[in-house]
Amino acid sequence: MGEPEKIDPLADLRAELLRDLPGDISRVRKAYRRAAQQAALLRDAKDFTAHQAACKAGLGHLESLIKLLRWASGVDGAPENGKAMEGESLDVEKLIREARGALKGM
């Protein structure tokens, strides 16, 4: 009988996150954009304040997903497979800055 195959649950998790997170991030970005655009329709200050808080929560969710993607891809400072997604991380940082700027302008 052969030796049982060693399973690395952390590597399995990273692979699963790398497979699923890009789609998840895209869906969250689209949902955020739709929600942020609704601010133009709000006239009541109370509704606007609640909407702004919801948008900030959405950005926090997006940021958490991006951090997970960075960890899974090894961009968190400890490259897992030697591939750094520098260009993509710069695009993500730009997206976060633009979204925060848009929230401040509301």
N, C-alpha and C. Protein backbone atom coordinates (compact mmCIF):
# COMPACT_ATOMS: atom_id res chain seq x y z
N MET A 1 0.83 -1.18 0.00
CA MET A 1 0.00 0.00 0.00
C MET A 1 0.87 1.25 0.00
N GLY A 2 0.45 2.26 -0.72
CA GLY A 2 1.21 3.50 -0.80
C GLY A 2 0.90 4.39 0.39
N GLU A 3 1.76 5.37 0.56
CA GLU A 3 1.54 6.35 1.63
C GLU A 3 0.33 7.21 1.33
N PRO A 4 -0.43 7.56 2.36
CA PRO A 4 -1.56 8.47 2.11
C PRO A 4 -1.05 9.83 1.64
N GLU A 5 -1.76 10.37 0.69
CA GLU A 5 -1.37 11.67 0.13
C GLU A 5 -1.55 12.76 1.19
N LYS A 6 -0.52 13.59 1.32
CA LYS A 6 -0.59 14.69 2.28
C LYS A 6 -1.42 15.82 1.69
N ILE A 7 -2.39 16.27 2.44
CA ILE A 7 -3.26 17.34 1.99
C ILE A 7 -2.92 18.60 2.78
N ASP A 8 -2.69 19.67 2.07
CA ASP A 8 -2.41 20.95 2.71
C ASP A 8 -3.68 21.79 2.65
N PRO A 9 -4.43 21.87 3.77
CA PRO A 9 -5.68 22.62 3.74
C PRO A 9 -5.49 24.10 3.40
N LEU A 10 -4.37 24.67 3.79
CA LEU A 10 -4.12 26.07 3.48
C LEU A 10 -3.92 26.28 1.98
N ALA A 11 -3.20 25.37 1.35
CA ALA A 11 -3.02 25.47 -0.10
C ALA A 11 -4.35 25.27 -0.82
N ASP A 12 -5.17 24.36 -0.31
CA ASP A 12 -6.49 24.15 -0.91
C ASP A 12 -7.34 25.42 -0.78
N LEU A 13 -7.28 26.07 0.39
CA LEU A 13 -8.03 27.30 0.61
C LEU A 13 -7.56 28.40 -0.34
N ARG A 14 -6.23 28.54 -0.46
CA ARG A 14 -5.69 29.56 -1.38
C ARG A 14 -6.17 29.32 -2.81
N ALA A 15 -6.13 28.06 -3.23
CA ALA A 15 -6.55 27.73 -4.59
C ALA A 15 -8.04 28.04 -4.79
N GLU A 16 -8.85 27.72 -3.80
CA GLU A 16 -10.28 28.00 -3.89
C GLU A 16 -10.54 29.50 -3.94
N LEU A 17 -9.84 30.26 -3.10
CA LEU A 17 -10.01 31.72 -3.10
C LEU A 17 -9.55 32.33 -4.42
N LEU A 18 -8.44 31.86 -4.95
CA LEU A 18 -7.95 32.38 -6.23
C LEU A 18 -8.93 32.09 -7.36
N ARG A 19 -9.65 30.98 -7.25
CA ARG A 19 -10.64 30.64 -8.26
C ARG A 19 -11.90 31.50 -8.13
N ASP A 20 -12.36 31.72 -6.91
CA ASP A 20 -13.67 32.35 -6.69
C ASP A 20 -13.64 33.87 -6.50
N LEU A 21 -12.59 34.40 -5.89
CA LEU A 21 -12.60 35.81 -5.51
C LEU A 21 -12.68 36.80 -6.67
N PRO A 22 -12.03 36.58 -7.79
CA PRO A 22 -12.18 37.57 -8.86
C PRO A 22 -13.64 37.80 -9.26
N GLY A 23 -14.41 36.74 -9.37
CA GLY A 23 -15.83 36.88 -9.69
C GLY A 23 -16.60 37.55 -8.57
N ASP A 24 -16.26 37.19 -7.32
CA ASP A 24 -16.92 37.81 -6.17
C ASP A 24 -16.65 39.31 -6.13
N ILE A 25 -15.40 39.68 -6.35
CA ILE A 25 -15.02 41.09 -6.33
C ILE A 25 -15.75 41.85 -7.43
N SER A 26 -15.85 41.26 -8.59
CA SER A 26 -16.55 41.91 -9.69
C SER A 26 -18.03 42.14 -9.34
N ARG A 27 -18.67 41.15 -8.74
CA ARG A 27 -20.08 41.30 -8.35
C ARG A 27 -20.26 42.39 -7.29
N VAL A 28 -19.34 42.44 -6.32
CA VAL A 28 -19.43 43.45 -5.27
C VAL A 28 -19.21 44.84 -5.85
N ARG A 29 -18.26 44.98 -6.78
CA ARG A 29 -18.03 46.28 -7.42
C ARG A 29 -19.27 46.75 -8.16
N LYS A 30 -19.91 45.85 -8.90
CA LYS A 30 -21.12 46.22 -9.65
C LYS A 30 -22.24 46.62 -8.70
N ALA A 31 -22.40 45.87 -7.62
CA ALA A 31 -23.44 46.19 -6.64
C ALA A 31 -23.16 47.54 -5.99
N TYR A 32 -21.89 47.79 -5.68
CA TYR A 32 -21.51 49.08 -5.07
C TYR A 32 -21.83 50.22 -6.02
N ARG A 33 -21.48 50.07 -7.28
CA ARG A 33 -21.75 51.13 -8.26
C ARG A 33 -23.24 51.43 -8.35
N ARG A 34 -24.06 50.36 -8.40
CA ARG A 34 -25.51 50.57 -8.47
C ARG A 34 -26.00 51.31 -7.22
N ALA A 35 -25.52 50.88 -6.07
CA ALA A 35 -25.95 51.51 -4.81
C ALA A 35 -25.48 52.97 -4.74
N ALA A 36 -24.25 53.22 -5.14
CA ALA A 36 -23.72 54.58 -5.07
C ALA A 36 -24.48 55.52 -6.00
N GLN A 37 -24.92 55.03 -7.12
CA GLN A 37 -25.66 55.87 -8.07
C GLN A 37 -27.03 56.26 -7.54
N GLN A 38 -27.57 55.50 -6.63
CA GLN A 38 -28.88 55.81 -6.07
C GLN A 38 -28.86 57.06 -5.20
N ALA A 39 -27.69 57.50 -4.78
CA ALA A 39 -27.59 58.69 -3.92
C ALA A 39 -28.18 59.91 -4.60
N ALA A 40 -28.09 59.98 -5.91
CA ALA A 40 -28.62 61.14 -6.63
C ALA A 40 -30.13 61.26 -6.49
N LEU A 41 -30.78 60.16 -6.16
CA LEU A 41 -32.25 60.16 -6.04
C LEU A 41 -32.73 60.53 -4.64
N LEU A 42 -31.80 60.56 -3.68
CA LEU A 42 -32.19 60.80 -2.30
C LEU A 42 -32.26 62.30 -2.01
N ARG A 43 -33.35 62.71 -1.42
CA ARG A 43 -33.54 64.12 -1.08
C ARG A 43 -33.53 64.34 0.43
N ASP A 44 -33.93 63.35 1.17
CA ASP A 44 -34.02 63.45 2.62
C ASP A 44 -32.64 63.22 3.24
N ALA A 45 -32.24 64.10 4.16
CA ALA A 45 -30.90 64.01 4.77
C ALA A 45 -30.72 62.70 5.53
N LYS A 46 -31.76 62.25 6.21
CA LYS A 46 -31.67 61.00 6.97
C LYS A 46 -31.44 59.82 6.03
N ASP A 47 -32.16 59.78 4.93
CA ASP A 47 -31.99 58.71 3.95
C ASP A 47 -30.59 58.76 3.33
N PHE A 48 -30.15 59.97 3.04
CA PHE A 48 -28.83 60.13 2.44
C PHE A 48 -27.74 59.64 3.39
N THR A 49 -27.85 59.98 4.68
CA THR A 49 -26.87 59.55 5.67
C THR A 49 -26.85 58.03 5.78
N ALA A 50 -28.01 57.42 5.80
CA ALA A 50 -28.08 55.95 5.86
C ALA A 50 -27.48 55.33 4.60
N HIS A 51 -27.74 55.96 3.46
CA HIS A 51 -27.20 55.46 2.20
C HIS A 51 -25.68 55.57 2.18
N GLN A 52 -25.16 56.68 2.68
CA GLN A 52 -23.71 56.87 2.72
C GLN A 52 -23.07 55.82 3.63
N ALA A 53 -23.69 55.52 4.77
CA ALA A 53 -23.16 54.50 5.67
C ALA A 53 -23.17 53.13 4.98
N ALA A 54 -24.22 52.84 4.22
CA ALA A 54 -24.29 51.57 3.49
C ALA A 54 -23.18 51.49 2.43
N CYS A 55 -22.91 52.61 1.76
CA CYS A 55 -21.83 52.63 0.76
C CYS A 55 -20.48 52.39 1.42
N LYS A 56 -20.26 52.98 2.58
CA LYS A 56 -19.00 52.76 3.30
C LYS A 56 -18.86 51.30 3.70
N ALA A 57 -19.95 50.69 4.12
CA ALA A 57 -19.92 49.27 4.47
C ALA A 57 -19.59 48.43 3.23
N GLY A 58 -20.15 48.82 2.09
CA GLY A 58 -19.85 48.13 0.84
C GLY A 58 -18.38 48.22 0.48
N LEU A 59 -17.80 49.40 0.67
CA LEU A 59 -16.36 49.55 0.41
C LEU A 59 -15.53 48.69 1.35
N GLY A 60 -15.96 48.60 2.61
CA GLY A 60 -15.26 47.75 3.57
C GLY A 60 -15.31 46.29 3.14
N HIS A 61 -16.44 45.86 2.62
CA HIS A 61 -16.59 44.50 2.13
C HIS A 61 -15.66 44.26 0.94
N LEU A 62 -15.65 45.21 0.02
CA LEU A 62 -14.78 45.10 -1.15
C LEU A 62 -13.31 45.05 -0.73
N GLU A 63 -12.94 45.89 0.20
CA GLU A 63 -11.56 45.93 0.67
C GLU A 63 -11.17 44.60 1.32
N SER A 64 -12.07 44.00 2.08
CA SER A 64 -11.79 42.70 2.71
C SER A 64 -11.58 41.61 1.67
N LEU A 65 -12.40 41.62 0.63
CA LEU A 65 -12.24 40.63 -0.44
C LEU A 65 -10.89 40.81 -1.14
N ILE A 66 -10.50 42.07 -1.35
CA ILE A 66 -9.21 42.33 -2.00
C ILE A 66 -8.06 41.86 -1.12
N LYS A 67 -8.16 42.07 0.17
CA LYS A 67 -7.12 41.60 1.09
C LYS A 67 -7.02 40.08 1.05
N LEU A 68 -8.16 39.40 0.99
CA LEU A 68 -8.14 37.94 0.88
C LEU A 68 -7.47 37.50 -0.41
N LEU A 69 -7.77 38.20 -1.50
CA LEU A 69 -7.16 37.87 -2.79
C LEU A 69 -5.65 38.07 -2.73
N ARG A 70 -5.22 39.15 -2.10
CA ARG A 70 -3.78 39.39 -1.97
C ARG A 70 -3.12 38.26 -1.17
N TRP A 71 -3.76 37.87 -0.08
CA TRP A 71 -3.20 36.79 0.73
C TRP A 71 -3.13 35.49 -0.08
N ALA A 72 -4.22 35.18 -0.76
CA ALA A 72 -4.27 33.94 -1.52
C ALA A 72 -3.25 33.90 -2.65
N SER A 73 -2.96 35.07 -3.22
CA SER A 73 -2.02 35.12 -4.34
C SER A 73 -0.58 35.33 -3.89
N GLY A 74 -0.38 35.55 -2.59
CA GLY A 74 0.97 35.74 -2.09
C GLY A 74 1.46 37.16 -2.19
N VAL A 75 0.58 38.10 -2.51
CA VAL A 75 0.98 39.50 -2.67
C VAL A 75 1.08 40.19 -1.32
N ASP A 76 0.79 39.49 -0.25
CA ASP A 76 0.79 40.09 1.09
C ASP A 76 2.19 40.22 1.67
N GLY A 77 3.20 40.14 0.81
CA GLY A 77 4.56 40.30 1.31
C GLY A 77 5.32 38.99 1.38
N ALA A 78 4.62 37.88 1.23
CA ALA A 78 5.24 36.56 1.26
C ALA A 78 4.77 35.79 0.03
N PRO A 79 5.40 36.03 -1.12
CA PRO A 79 4.93 35.40 -2.35
C PRO A 79 4.87 33.89 -2.21
N GLU A 80 3.72 33.34 -2.52
CA GLU A 80 3.50 31.90 -2.43
C GLU A 80 4.11 31.18 -3.62
N ASN A 81 3.97 31.76 -4.79
CA ASN A 81 4.43 31.07 -5.99
C ASN A 81 5.35 31.94 -6.84
N GLY A 82 5.86 33.01 -6.27
CA GLY A 82 6.79 33.86 -6.98
C GLY A 82 6.14 34.85 -7.93
N LYS A 83 4.84 34.81 -8.06
CA LYS A 83 4.14 35.73 -8.95
C LYS A 83 3.58 36.89 -8.15
N ALA A 84 3.98 38.07 -8.48
CA ALA A 84 3.42 39.26 -7.82
C ALA A 84 2.45 39.91 -8.78
N MET A 85 1.32 40.29 -8.28
CA MET A 85 0.30 40.92 -9.11
C MET A 85 0.39 42.43 -8.94
N GLU A 86 1.58 42.99 -9.18
CA GLU A 86 1.80 44.40 -8.91
C GLU A 86 0.86 45.30 -9.70
N GLY A 87 0.72 45.08 -10.98
CA GLY A 87 -0.16 45.92 -11.79
C GLY A 87 -1.59 45.85 -11.32
N GLU A 88 -2.04 44.64 -10.99
CA GLU A 88 -3.41 44.48 -10.51
C GLU A 88 -3.61 45.15 -9.16
N SER A 89 -2.61 45.04 -8.28
CA SER A 89 -2.78 45.65 -6.96
C SER A 89 -2.81 47.16 -7.06
N LEU A 90 -2.06 47.73 -8.02
CA LEU A 90 -2.12 49.18 -8.22
C LEU A 90 -3.50 49.59 -8.72
N ASP A 91 -4.08 48.79 -9.61
CA ASP A 91 -5.43 49.08 -10.10
C ASP A 91 -6.44 49.02 -8.97
N VAL A 92 -6.28 48.05 -8.09
CA VAL A 92 -7.20 47.90 -6.96
C VAL A 92 -7.07 49.09 -6.02
N GLU A 93 -5.84 49.50 -5.75
CA GLU A 93 -5.62 50.66 -4.89
C GLU A 93 -6.27 51.90 -5.49
N LYS A 94 -6.14 52.06 -6.81
CA LYS A 94 -6.74 53.21 -7.48
C LYS A 94 -8.26 53.15 -7.35
N LEU A 95 -8.83 51.97 -7.53
CA LEU A 95 -10.28 51.80 -7.39
C LEU A 95 -10.76 52.19 -5.99
N ILE A 96 -10.03 51.76 -4.98
CA ILE A 96 -10.40 52.07 -3.60
C ILE A 96 -10.30 53.57 -3.36
N ARG A 97 -9.23 54.21 -3.83
CA ARG A 97 -9.08 55.66 -3.66
C ARG A 97 -10.21 56.42 -4.34
N GLU A 98 -10.55 56.01 -5.57
CA GLU A 98 -11.62 56.69 -6.30
C GLU A 98 -12.96 56.52 -5.58
N ALA A 99 -13.22 55.33 -5.09
CA ALA A 99 -14.49 55.09 -4.41
C ALA A 99 -14.57 55.90 -3.12
N ARG A 100 -13.48 55.96 -2.39
CA ARG A 100 -13.47 56.77 -1.15
C ARG A 100 -13.66 58.24 -1.48
N GLY A 101 -13.02 58.70 -2.54
CA GLY A 101 -13.18 60.10 -2.96
C GLY A 101 -14.61 60.40 -3.35
N ALA A 102 -15.26 59.45 -4.03
CA ALA A 102 -16.65 59.64 -4.42
C ALA A 102 -17.54 59.72 -3.19
N LEU A 103 -17.24 58.91 -2.19
CA LEU A 103 -18.04 58.95 -0.95
C LEU A 103 -17.88 60.29 -0.25
N LYS A 104 -16.67 60.81 -0.23
CA LYS A 104 -16.43 62.10 0.44
C LYS A 104 -17.16 63.22 -0.28
N GLY A 105 -17.31 63.09 -1.59
CA GLY A 105 -17.97 64.12 -2.38
C GLY A 105 -19.49 64.07 -2.31
N MET A 106 -20.03 63.03 -1.71
CA MET A 106 -21.51 62.89 -1.63
C MET A 106 -22.11 63.90 -0.71
